[in-house]
């Protein structure tokens, strides 16, 4: 099982083992570069393959709700 933590300042999302607290890594795009979400506000992990997020895009003038799913 894992949980996620987002960082508003650097916009990155990190995964952690919920039993040990050990960091599992940073979410990356298919090209291997870190996934950064502008204005990242909140994250919610559902199951092992989806992370839902909210973000304040365009200098926090607009709200965005989305899902990030693991590729197969």
Protein backbone atom coordinates (compact mmCIF):
# COMPACT_ATOMS: atom_id res chain seq x y z
CA UNK A 1 0.00 0.00 0.00
CA UNK A 2 1.18 3.52 -0.68
CA UNK A 3 0.14 7.07 -0.03
CA UNK A 4 1.09 10.29 -1.76
CA UNK A 5 2.28 13.71 -0.72
CA UNK A 6 2.37 16.76 -2.94
CA UNK A 7 4.56 19.80 -2.69
CA UNK A 8 2.96 23.16 -3.53
CA UNK A 9 6.34 24.88 -3.95
CA UNK A 10 8.09 22.52 -6.38
CA UNK A 11 4.82 20.96 -7.73
CA UNK A 12 6.10 17.37 -7.40
CA UNK A 13 4.21 14.31 -6.12
CA UNK A 14 6.02 11.72 -4.00
CA UNK A 15 4.87 8.22 -3.07
CA UNK A 16 5.39 6.73 0.40
CA UNK A 17 4.94 3.28 1.92
CA UNK A 18 2.11 3.78 4.44
CA UNK A 19 3.48 1.11 6.77
CA UNK A 20 7.08 2.30 7.01
CA UNK A 21 6.97 5.92 5.86
CA UNK A 22 9.78 5.19 3.40
CA UNK A 23 9.68 7.33 0.26
CA UNK A 24 9.06 5.14 -2.80
CA UNK A 25 9.87 7.80 -5.38
CA UNK A 26 8.61 10.77 -7.34
CA UNK A 27 5.87 10.43 -9.96
CA UNK A 28 7.32 10.66 -13.44
CA UNK A 29 5.91 11.15 -16.92
CA UNK A 30 6.36 8.42 -19.58
CA UNK A 31 9.54 10.17 -20.74
CA UNK A 32 11.07 9.71 -17.26
CA UNK A 33 10.95 13.39 -16.25
CA UNK A 34 9.21 14.31 -12.96
CA UNK A 35 5.51 15.10 -13.18
CA UNK A 36 4.97 18.65 -11.91
CA UNK A 37 1.48 20.14 -11.41
CA UNK A 38 1.22 23.92 -11.33
CA UNK A 39 -0.60 25.18 -8.22
CA UNK A 40 -0.94 21.70 -6.67
CA UNK A 41 -3.41 21.85 -3.77
CA UNK A 42 -4.52 18.40 -2.65
CA UNK A 43 -4.12 14.70 -3.44
CA UNK A 44 -6.21 11.63 -2.71
CA UNK A 45 -5.05 8.10 -3.49
CA UNK A 46 -7.68 5.56 -4.55
CA UNK A 47 -6.39 2.04 -4.99
CA UNK A 48 -2.97 1.26 -6.35
CA UNK A 49 -3.32 2.95 -9.73
CA UNK A 50 -5.08 6.32 -9.36
CA UNK A 51 -4.32 9.61 -7.66
CA UNK A 52 -6.91 12.39 -7.77
CA UNK A 53 -5.72 15.96 -7.44
CA UNK A 54 -6.88 19.55 -7.24
CA UNK A 55 -4.77 22.48 -8.35
CA UNK A 56 -5.07 26.24 -8.65
CA UNK A 57 -3.95 26.91 -12.20
CA UNK A 58 -3.16 30.30 -13.75
CA UNK A 59 -1.87 31.85 -10.51
CA UNK A 60 -4.64 30.17 -8.49
CA UNK A 61 -7.35 32.01 -10.46
CA UNK A 62 -8.94 28.75 -11.63
CA UNK A 63 -9.52 25.36 -10.03
CA UNK A 64 -8.63 22.07 -11.70
CA UNK A 65 -9.72 18.58 -10.64
CA UNK A 66 -8.12 15.59 -12.31
CA UNK A 67 -6.89 12.02 -12.04
CA UNK A 68 -3.46 10.56 -12.66
CA UNK A 69 -3.47 6.89 -13.57
CA UNK A 70 -0.58 4.48 -13.74
CA UNK A 71 0.28 3.37 -17.25
CA UNK A 72 0.46 -0.34 -17.86
